[in-house]
Every structure is written in C-alpha cells, then in structure tokens.
Amino acid sequence: MTGSVSNLEDHVGYWLRFVSNHVSHSFAAKVETEGVTVAEWVVLREMFAQSSVNPSQLAERLGLSRGAVSKLIDRLVSKRLVEKQVGKAIASNLDGRYQTVDLTPAGRRLVPKLAKLADKNDEDFFGHLSTKQKADLVRILKDIVKANGLKSTPVK
C-alpha cells in the first residue's frame, strides 16, 4: 500500500470523541454520587418540565426506543424517583389502558441537584471559553446535528 495514512489527531472526530469522553465520564461520576446514571438523569430532566408523561411520548422526544425508556423508567421506579399511573384509555389509545409516569417528590427534589452538577461539569470543561466561543461551539455542533439529521438524545 502506498501513500500517506492520516494520523488520528488529524481528524475532527478524534478531538470530538476525546473531549466528549472526558466530559461524559466526569459527568457520569458526578451524577453517580446521587445514585443515578446519565441516562436516568436525561429521563428525569425531561420529565421535570411536565406533571405526567406517557412513556411512548417520552421515548419519541428523547429519540430512544420504547424498550429502552421502559427499562429506564423501571429503574427509576425502583429508586422511588418515578411512579407509574395506569388509568382509563383516552380516545387515541386502543388497548383500554393508558400508562403515565411522573416524578415522585424525591425525584422532583433531585432534578435541581443534578442540574447543578451538569452546570458544574460544563463550567469545569468549558468555563475557560468566552461567552462568544461557547456560543460559536454550540452553534457549530447544532449545525452538524442538523446537517446530518441526528435525532436521538445522547445518553451514554
């Protein structure tokens, strides 16, 4: 084989992964001190803005499979951070049962603590950037998301 082979460090993806791995690992360690995983945090944060939600709608909003959301909800139920309610069917639900999930009082108290950890993690990694640099970085990353049609919420 002839020709030159690019170095790992020549690729933007290498640097994105390098930073992402460190940011993600640090955040995972922070939220684990509160007894949850990053994926659980994502579900809790999404649920925080509403009183109750249908798991399939939650899966759609997060870009996750219903099975993945169901497993996350079950883990959060076992941690007493989320509760399930099964009620009467609504007009659009044909199976006769309608399940919603909501944060428990403990779950509702935990989300602001976890949000502060997320803020701290961002500050730890990106605090040295100016406001403009951070805005430019986010704009560029959002442009990459849009250009590639990326939809699922990063939970790992």
N, C-alpha and C. Protein backbone atom coordinates (compact mmCIF):
# COMPACT_ATOMS: atom_id res chain seq x y z
N MET A 1 0.85 -1.17 0.00
CA MET A 1 0.00 0.00 0.00
C MET A 1 0.89 1.24 0.00
N THR A 2 0.61 2.14 -0.91
CA THR A 2 1.41 3.36 -0.99
C THR A 2 0.58 4.57 -0.59
N GLY A 3 1.27 5.65 -0.39
CA GLY A 3 0.57 6.88 0.01
C GLY A 3 0.64 7.08 1.50
N SER A 4 0.22 8.24 1.92
CA SER A 4 0.30 8.54 3.34
C SER A 4 -1.00 8.16 4.04
N VAL A 5 -0.87 7.83 5.28
CA VAL A 5 -2.01 7.49 6.12
C VAL A 5 -2.14 8.60 7.17
N SER A 6 -3.31 9.17 7.24
CA SER A 6 -3.50 10.29 8.18
C SER A 6 -3.36 9.82 9.63
N ASN A 7 -2.94 10.73 10.46
CA ASN A 7 -2.83 10.48 11.89
C ASN A 7 -4.20 10.59 12.53
N LEU A 8 -4.40 9.91 13.64
CA LEU A 8 -5.66 10.03 14.37
C LEU A 8 -5.98 11.48 14.68
N GLU A 9 -4.96 12.21 15.14
CA GLU A 9 -5.14 13.59 15.57
C GLU A 9 -5.48 14.54 14.44
N ASP A 10 -5.41 14.07 13.19
CA ASP A 10 -5.76 14.90 12.04
C ASP A 10 -7.27 14.99 11.83
N HIS A 11 -8.02 14.20 12.55
CA HIS A 11 -9.47 14.10 12.34
C HIS A 11 -10.24 14.88 13.41
N VAL A 12 -11.20 15.68 12.95
CA VAL A 12 -12.06 16.41 13.87
C VAL A 12 -12.79 15.43 14.79
N GLY A 13 -13.23 14.31 14.24
CA GLY A 13 -13.94 13.31 15.03
C GLY A 13 -13.11 12.79 16.20
N TYR A 14 -11.82 12.68 16.00
CA TYR A 14 -10.94 12.25 17.08
C TYR A 14 -11.04 13.23 18.24
N TRP A 15 -10.97 14.53 17.97
CA TRP A 15 -10.99 15.53 19.02
C TRP A 15 -12.38 15.65 19.64
N LEU A 16 -13.43 15.49 18.84
CA LEU A 16 -14.77 15.48 19.41
C LEU A 16 -14.93 14.33 20.38
N ARG A 17 -14.48 13.15 19.97
CA ARG A 17 -14.59 11.97 20.83
C ARG A 17 -13.73 12.12 22.08
N PHE A 18 -12.53 12.65 21.91
CA PHE A 18 -11.62 12.86 23.03
C PHE A 18 -12.28 13.73 24.10
N VAL A 19 -12.79 14.89 23.67
CA VAL A 19 -13.44 15.80 24.61
C VAL A 19 -14.71 15.18 25.17
N SER A 20 -15.52 14.61 24.28
CA SER A 20 -16.79 14.02 24.70
C SER A 20 -16.59 12.93 25.75
N ASN A 21 -15.64 12.07 25.54
CA ASN A 21 -15.38 11.00 26.50
C ASN A 21 -15.04 11.56 27.88
N HIS A 22 -14.21 12.59 27.92
CA HIS A 22 -13.81 13.16 29.20
C HIS A 22 -14.96 13.91 29.87
N VAL A 23 -15.72 14.67 29.09
CA VAL A 23 -16.87 15.40 29.64
C VAL A 23 -17.89 14.40 30.17
N SER A 24 -18.18 13.37 29.37
CA SER A 24 -19.18 12.36 29.75
C SER A 24 -18.76 11.57 30.98
N HIS A 25 -17.51 11.15 31.02
CA HIS A 25 -17.02 10.38 32.17
C HIS A 25 -17.10 11.21 33.45
N SER A 26 -16.69 12.46 33.36
CA SER A 26 -16.74 13.34 34.53
C SER A 26 -18.17 13.53 35.01
N PHE A 27 -19.09 13.76 34.08
CA PHE A 27 -20.48 13.97 34.46
C PHE A 27 -21.08 12.70 35.05
N ALA A 28 -20.76 11.55 34.45
CA ALA A 28 -21.27 10.27 34.97
C ALA A 28 -20.82 10.08 36.42
N ALA A 29 -19.57 10.39 36.70
CA ALA A 29 -19.07 10.25 38.07
C ALA A 29 -19.80 11.19 39.02
N LYS A 30 -20.12 12.39 38.56
CA LYS A 30 -20.83 13.35 39.40
C LYS A 30 -22.25 12.87 39.72
N VAL A 31 -23.01 12.45 38.69
CA VAL A 31 -24.40 12.05 38.95
C VAL A 31 -24.49 10.73 39.71
N GLU A 32 -23.48 9.88 39.54
CA GLU A 32 -23.49 8.62 40.28
C GLU A 32 -23.39 8.85 41.78
N THR A 33 -22.83 9.99 42.20
CA THR A 33 -22.81 10.29 43.64
C THR A 33 -24.21 10.51 44.17
N GLU A 34 -25.16 10.79 43.29
CA GLU A 34 -26.56 10.98 43.67
C GLU A 34 -27.41 9.73 43.37
N GLY A 35 -26.74 8.65 42.97
CA GLY A 35 -27.42 7.37 42.79
C GLY A 35 -28.12 7.16 41.46
N VAL A 36 -27.77 7.95 40.44
CA VAL A 36 -28.39 7.76 39.12
C VAL A 36 -27.32 7.72 38.04
N THR A 37 -27.73 7.22 36.89
CA THR A 37 -26.85 7.20 35.72
C THR A 37 -27.16 8.42 34.86
N VAL A 38 -26.32 8.66 33.87
CA VAL A 38 -26.56 9.77 32.94
C VAL A 38 -27.87 9.54 32.19
N ALA A 39 -28.12 8.33 31.75
CA ALA A 39 -29.37 8.03 31.02
C ALA A 39 -30.58 8.29 31.91
N GLU A 40 -30.49 7.94 33.18
CA GLU A 40 -31.59 8.20 34.11
C GLU A 40 -31.77 9.71 34.31
N TRP A 41 -30.67 10.44 34.39
CA TRP A 41 -30.73 11.89 34.51
C TRP A 41 -31.47 12.50 33.32
N VAL A 42 -31.17 12.03 32.13
CA VAL A 42 -31.83 12.56 30.93
C VAL A 42 -33.34 12.37 31.03
N VAL A 43 -33.78 11.19 31.45
CA VAL A 43 -35.21 10.92 31.60
C VAL A 43 -35.80 11.80 32.70
N LEU A 44 -35.15 11.88 33.84
CA LEU A 44 -35.64 12.71 34.94
C LEU A 44 -35.77 14.17 34.51
N ARG A 45 -34.77 14.67 33.81
CA ARG A 45 -34.79 16.08 33.39
C ARG A 45 -35.93 16.33 32.40
N GLU A 46 -36.14 15.41 31.50
CA GLU A 46 -37.23 15.54 30.52
C GLU A 46 -38.58 15.52 31.23
N MET A 47 -38.71 14.70 32.26
CA MET A 47 -39.97 14.60 32.99
C MET A 47 -40.21 15.80 33.90
N PHE A 48 -39.16 16.48 34.31
CA PHE A 48 -39.26 17.57 35.27
C PHE A 48 -40.17 18.70 34.79
N ALA A 49 -40.17 18.95 33.50
CA ALA A 49 -40.92 20.09 32.95
C ALA A 49 -42.42 19.84 32.86
N GLN A 50 -42.88 18.64 33.11
CA GLN A 50 -44.30 18.33 32.97
C GLN A 50 -44.79 17.53 34.16
N SER A 51 -46.11 17.52 34.35
CA SER A 51 -46.67 16.83 35.51
C SER A 51 -46.69 15.32 35.32
N SER A 52 -47.07 14.84 34.17
CA SER A 52 -47.01 13.40 33.88
C SER A 52 -46.86 13.23 32.39
N VAL A 53 -46.29 12.11 32.02
CA VAL A 53 -45.99 11.88 30.61
C VAL A 53 -46.23 10.42 30.26
N ASN A 54 -46.60 10.19 29.05
CA ASN A 54 -46.76 8.84 28.52
C ASN A 54 -45.37 8.33 28.13
N PRO A 55 -44.99 7.12 28.53
CA PRO A 55 -43.65 6.62 28.20
C PRO A 55 -43.33 6.61 26.70
N SER A 56 -44.32 6.33 25.86
CA SER A 56 -44.03 6.31 24.41
C SER A 56 -43.74 7.72 23.90
N GLN A 57 -44.41 8.72 24.45
CA GLN A 57 -44.12 10.10 24.07
C GLN A 57 -42.73 10.50 24.56
N LEU A 58 -42.38 10.06 25.73
CA LEU A 58 -41.06 10.32 26.28
C LEU A 58 -39.99 9.69 25.39
N ALA A 59 -40.21 8.47 24.97
CA ALA A 59 -39.27 7.78 24.08
C ALA A 59 -39.11 8.56 22.77
N GLU A 60 -40.20 9.03 22.23
CA GLU A 60 -40.15 9.79 20.98
C GLU A 60 -39.37 11.08 21.15
N ARG A 61 -39.64 11.81 22.22
CA ARG A 61 -38.94 13.08 22.46
C ARG A 61 -37.44 12.89 22.65
N LEU A 62 -37.06 11.78 23.29
CA LEU A 62 -35.65 11.52 23.57
C LEU A 62 -34.95 10.79 22.42
N GLY A 63 -35.73 10.30 21.46
CA GLY A 63 -35.12 9.55 20.36
C GLY A 63 -34.63 8.19 20.78
N LEU A 64 -35.28 7.62 21.80
CA LEU A 64 -34.91 6.29 22.30
C LEU A 64 -36.02 5.30 21.97
N SER A 65 -35.70 4.03 22.02
CA SER A 65 -36.74 3.02 21.81
C SER A 65 -37.66 2.98 23.02
N ARG A 66 -38.87 2.49 22.81
CA ARG A 66 -39.81 2.35 23.93
C ARG A 66 -39.25 1.38 24.96
N GLY A 67 -38.58 0.33 24.49
CA GLY A 67 -38.00 -0.64 25.41
C GLY A 67 -36.93 -0.01 26.29
N ALA A 68 -36.09 0.82 25.69
CA ALA A 68 -35.03 1.48 26.47
C ALA A 68 -35.63 2.40 27.52
N VAL A 69 -36.65 3.17 27.13
CA VAL A 69 -37.30 4.08 28.08
C VAL A 69 -38.00 3.28 29.17
N SER A 70 -38.63 2.18 28.79
CA SER A 70 -39.33 1.34 29.77
C SER A 70 -38.35 0.83 30.83
N LYS A 71 -37.17 0.38 30.39
CA LYS A 71 -36.16 -0.11 31.34
C LYS A 71 -35.67 1.01 32.24
N LEU A 72 -35.46 2.19 31.68
CA LEU A 72 -35.02 3.33 32.48
C LEU A 72 -36.09 3.71 33.51
N ILE A 73 -37.34 3.73 33.07
CA ILE A 73 -38.44 4.06 33.99
C ILE A 73 -38.51 3.02 35.11
N ASP A 74 -38.39 1.75 34.77
CA ASP A 74 -38.43 0.70 35.80
C ASP A 74 -37.31 0.90 36.83
N ARG A 75 -36.12 1.26 36.36
CA ARG A 75 -35.02 1.52 37.30
C ARG A 75 -35.33 2.71 38.19
N LEU A 76 -35.91 3.76 37.59
CA LEU A 76 -36.25 4.95 38.37
C LEU A 76 -37.39 4.69 39.34
N VAL A 77 -38.32 3.81 38.97
CA VAL A 77 -39.39 3.41 39.88
C VAL A 77 -38.79 2.67 41.07
N SER A 78 -37.84 1.76 40.79
CA SER A 78 -37.22 1.00 41.89
C SER A 78 -36.41 1.90 42.82
N LYS A 79 -35.95 3.05 42.32
CA LYS A 79 -35.23 4.01 43.14
C LYS A 79 -36.17 5.03 43.79
N ARG A 80 -37.47 4.84 43.55
CA ARG A 80 -38.52 5.70 44.11
C ARG A 80 -38.40 7.16 43.66
N LEU A 81 -37.92 7.33 42.42
CA LEU A 81 -37.81 8.66 41.84
C LEU A 81 -38.92 8.94 40.84
N VAL A 82 -39.55 7.87 40.37
CA VAL A 82 -40.63 7.95 39.39
C VAL A 82 -41.72 7.00 39.83
N GLU A 83 -42.98 7.38 39.54
CA GLU A 83 -44.10 6.48 39.80
C GLU A 83 -44.93 6.33 38.53
N LYS A 84 -45.52 5.16 38.39
CA LYS A 84 -46.39 4.87 37.24
C LYS A 84 -47.84 4.99 37.68
N GLN A 85 -48.66 5.49 36.76
CA GLN A 85 -50.10 5.50 36.97
C GLN A 85 -50.74 4.85 35.75
N VAL A 86 -51.65 3.93 36.01
CA VAL A 86 -52.38 3.30 34.92
C VAL A 86 -53.83 3.72 35.07
N GLY A 87 -54.37 4.30 34.01
CA GLY A 87 -55.73 4.80 34.08
C GLY A 87 -56.57 4.36 32.91
N LYS A 88 -57.69 4.98 32.76
CA LYS A 88 -58.61 4.70 31.66
C LYS A 88 -57.97 5.11 30.34
N ALA A 89 -58.40 4.46 29.30
CA ALA A 89 -57.90 4.77 27.97
C ALA A 89 -58.37 6.15 27.53
N ILE A 90 -57.57 6.79 26.74
CA ILE A 90 -58.01 8.00 26.08
C ILE A 90 -58.45 7.62 24.68
N ALA A 91 -59.07 8.51 23.99
CA ALA A 91 -59.66 8.20 22.68
C ALA A 91 -58.64 7.61 21.71
N SER A 92 -57.41 8.07 21.76
CA SER A 92 -56.42 7.59 20.79
C SER A 92 -55.75 6.29 21.21
N ASN A 93 -56.03 5.79 22.39
CA ASN A 93 -55.38 4.57 22.87
C ASN A 93 -56.37 3.42 22.75
N LEU A 94 -56.00 2.44 21.94
CA LEU A 94 -56.94 1.37 21.62
C LEU A 94 -56.87 0.18 22.56
N ASP A 95 -55.87 0.09 23.41
CA ASP A 95 -55.73 -1.12 24.22
C ASP A 95 -56.51 -1.08 25.53
N GLY A 96 -57.19 0.00 25.81
CA GLY A 96 -58.02 0.07 27.01
C GLY A 96 -57.29 0.49 28.26
N ARG A 97 -56.00 0.62 28.20
CA ARG A 97 -55.21 1.05 29.35
C ARG A 97 -54.32 2.20 28.90
N TYR A 98 -54.03 3.09 29.80
CA TYR A 98 -53.17 4.23 29.47
C TYR A 98 -52.23 4.44 30.64
N GLN A 99 -50.95 4.33 30.39
CA GLN A 99 -49.97 4.48 31.45
C GLN A 99 -49.29 5.83 31.34
N THR A 100 -49.14 6.50 32.46
CA THR A 100 -48.33 7.71 32.53
C THR A 100 -47.32 7.53 33.65
N VAL A 101 -46.29 8.32 33.58
CA VAL A 101 -45.28 8.31 34.63
C VAL A 101 -45.07 9.74 35.10
N ASP A 102 -44.71 9.87 36.35
CA ASP A 102 -44.48 11.18 36.93
C ASP A 102 -43.35 11.07 37.95
N LEU A 103 -42.69 12.18 38.19
CA LEU A 103 -41.67 12.20 39.22
C LEU A 103 -42.33 12.11 40.60
N THR A 104 -41.70 11.39 41.48
CA THR A 104 -42.13 11.39 42.88
C THR A 104 -41.60 12.69 43.50
N PRO A 105 -42.03 13.01 44.71
CA PRO A 105 -41.45 14.19 45.38
C PRO A 105 -39.91 14.09 45.48
N ALA A 106 -39.40 12.90 45.74
CA ALA A 106 -37.94 12.72 45.82
C ALA A 106 -37.30 12.97 44.46
N GLY A 107 -37.93 12.50 43.40
CA GLY A 107 -37.42 12.74 42.05
C GLY A 107 -37.44 14.22 41.70
N ARG A 108 -38.52 14.90 42.07
CA ARG A 108 -38.65 16.33 41.80
C ARG A 108 -37.60 17.13 42.57
N ARG A 109 -37.23 16.70 43.78
CA ARG A 109 -36.18 17.37 44.56
C ARG A 109 -34.79 17.09 43.98
N LEU A 110 -34.62 15.90 43.39
CA LEU A 110 -33.30 15.50 42.89
C LEU A 110 -32.90 16.23 41.61
N VAL A 111 -33.85 16.51 40.74
CA VAL A 111 -33.52 17.10 39.44
C VAL A 111 -32.73 18.40 39.56
N PRO A 112 -33.13 19.35 40.39
CA PRO A 112 -32.31 20.58 40.51
C PRO A 112 -30.88 20.32 40.99
N LYS A 113 -30.71 19.33 41.87
CA LYS A 113 -29.35 18.96 42.31
C LYS A 113 -28.53 18.44 41.14
N LEU A 114 -29.16 17.59 40.32
CA LEU A 114 -28.46 17.03 39.16
C LEU A 114 -28.16 18.11 38.13
N ALA A 115 -29.08 19.05 37.97
CA ALA A 115 -28.86 20.16 37.03
C ALA A 115 -27.66 20.99 37.46
N LYS A 116 -27.50 21.18 38.77
CA LYS A 116 -26.33 21.92 39.26
C LYS A 116 -25.05 21.16 38.96
N LEU A 117 -25.11 19.83 39.04
CA LEU A 117 -23.94 19.02 38.68
C LEU A 117 -23.62 19.15 37.19
N ALA A 118 -24.66 19.20 36.36
CA ALA A 118 -24.46 19.39 34.92
C ALA A 118 -23.85 20.76 34.65
N ASP A 119 -24.35 21.77 35.35
CA ASP A 119 -23.79 23.12 35.21
C ASP A 119 -22.33 23.15 35.63
N LYS A 120 -22.03 22.48 36.74
CA LYS A 120 -20.65 22.42 37.24
C LYS A 120 -19.74 21.70 36.25
N ASN A 121 -20.24 20.62 35.66
CA ASN A 121 -19.45 19.88 34.69
C ASN A 121 -19.15 20.75 33.47
N ASP A 122 -20.16 21.48 33.00
CA ASP A 122 -19.93 22.39 31.87
C ASP A 122 -18.90 23.45 32.24
N GLU A 123 -19.01 23.99 33.43
CA GLU A 123 -18.06 25.01 33.87
C GLU A 123 -16.65 24.43 33.96
N ASP A 124 -16.54 23.21 34.48
CA ASP A 124 -15.23 22.57 34.59
C ASP A 124 -14.53 22.44 33.24
N PHE A 125 -15.30 22.09 32.21
CA PHE A 125 -14.70 21.83 30.90
C PHE A 125 -14.70 23.03 29.97
N PHE A 126 -15.70 23.89 30.08
CA PHE A 126 -15.86 24.96 29.10
C PHE A 126 -15.81 26.35 29.72
N GLY A 127 -15.57 26.43 31.02
CA GLY A 127 -15.54 27.71 31.71
C GLY A 127 -14.43 28.63 31.24
N HIS A 128 -13.37 28.08 30.69
CA HIS A 128 -12.26 28.91 30.21
C HIS A 128 -12.57 29.59 28.89
N LEU A 129 -13.65 29.16 28.22
CA LEU A 129 -14.04 29.77 26.94
C LEU A 129 -14.83 31.04 27.19
N SER A 130 -14.71 31.99 26.29
CA SER A 130 -15.52 33.20 26.39
C SER A 130 -16.97 32.85 26.05
N THR A 131 -17.87 33.75 26.39
CA THR A 131 -19.28 33.56 26.06
C THR A 131 -19.44 33.38 24.56
N LYS A 132 -18.73 34.15 23.78
CA LYS A 132 -18.81 34.04 22.32
C LYS A 132 -18.27 32.70 21.83
N GLN A 133 -17.16 32.26 22.40
CA GLN A 133 -16.59 30.97 21.99
C GLN A 133 -17.56 29.83 22.28
N LYS A 134 -18.18 29.86 23.47
CA LYS A 134 -19.16 28.82 23.81
C LYS A 134 -20.34 28.85 22.85
N ALA A 135 -20.84 30.05 22.57
CA ALA A 135 -21.97 30.18 21.65
C ALA A 135 -21.59 29.68 20.26
N ASP A 136 -20.38 30.00 19.80
CA ASP A 136 -19.92 29.53 18.49
C ASP A 136 -19.80 28.01 18.47
N LEU A 137 -19.26 27.44 19.53
CA LEU A 137 -19.11 25.99 19.60
C LEU A 137 -20.47 25.30 19.55
N VAL A 138 -21.42 25.78 20.35
CA VAL A 138 -22.76 25.20 20.35
C VAL A 138 -23.42 25.36 18.99
N ARG A 139 -23.26 26.53 18.37
CA ARG A 139 -23.84 26.76 17.05
C ARG A 139 -23.27 25.79 16.03
N ILE A 140 -21.98 25.60 16.04
CA ILE A 140 -21.33 24.68 15.10
C ILE A 140 -21.81 23.24 15.34
N LEU A 141 -21.88 22.83 16.60
CA LEU A 141 -22.33 21.48 16.91
C LEU A 141 -23.79 21.28 16.50
N LYS A 142 -24.64 22.27 16.73
CA LYS A 142 -26.04 22.17 16.30
C LYS A 142 -26.14 22.10 14.78
N ASP A 143 -25.26 22.84 14.10
CA ASP A 143 -25.24 22.78 12.64
C ASP A 143 -24.87 21.38 12.15
N ILE A 144 -23.92 20.74 12.81
CA ILE A 144 -23.53 19.37 12.46
C ILE A 144 -24.71 18.42 12.70
N VAL A 145 -25.41 18.60 13.82
CA VAL A 145 -26.59 17.78 14.12
C VAL A 145 -27.62 17.93 13.01
N LYS A 146 -27.91 19.17 12.65
CA LYS A 146 -28.92 19.44 11.62
C LYS A 146 -28.49 18.89 10.26
N ALA A 147 -27.26 19.15 9.87
CA ALA A 147 -26.77 18.72 8.56
C ALA A 147 -26.79 17.20 8.40
N ASN A 148 -26.65 16.48 9.52
CA ASN A 148 -26.62 15.02 9.46
C ASN A 148 -27.92 14.38 9.90
N GLY A 149 -28.93 15.19 10.20
CA GLY A 149 -30.24 14.66 10.60
C GLY A 149 -30.20 13.84 11.87
N LEU A 150 -29.35 14.23 12.80
CA LEU A 150 -29.22 13.48 14.04
C LEU A 150 -30.41 13.80 14.94
N LYS A 151 -30.99 12.78 15.57
CA LYS A 151 -32.21 13.00 16.34
C LYS A 151 -32.16 12.48 17.77
N SER A 152 -31.47 11.39 18.02
CA SER A 152 -31.54 10.81 19.36
C SER A 152 -30.74 11.62 20.36
N THR A 153 -31.26 11.65 21.58
CA THR A 153 -30.60 12.35 22.66
C THR A 153 -29.41 11.53 23.13
N PRO A 154 -28.24 12.17 23.27
CA PRO A 154 -27.08 11.40 23.76
C PRO A 154 -27.24 11.05 25.23
N VAL A 155 -27.26 9.77 25.52
CA VAL A 155 -27.44 9.34 26.92
C VAL A 155 -26.27 8.51 27.42
N LYS A 156 -25.31 8.23 26.61
CA LYS A 156 -24.17 7.42 27.04
C LYS A 156 -22.92 8.24 27.03
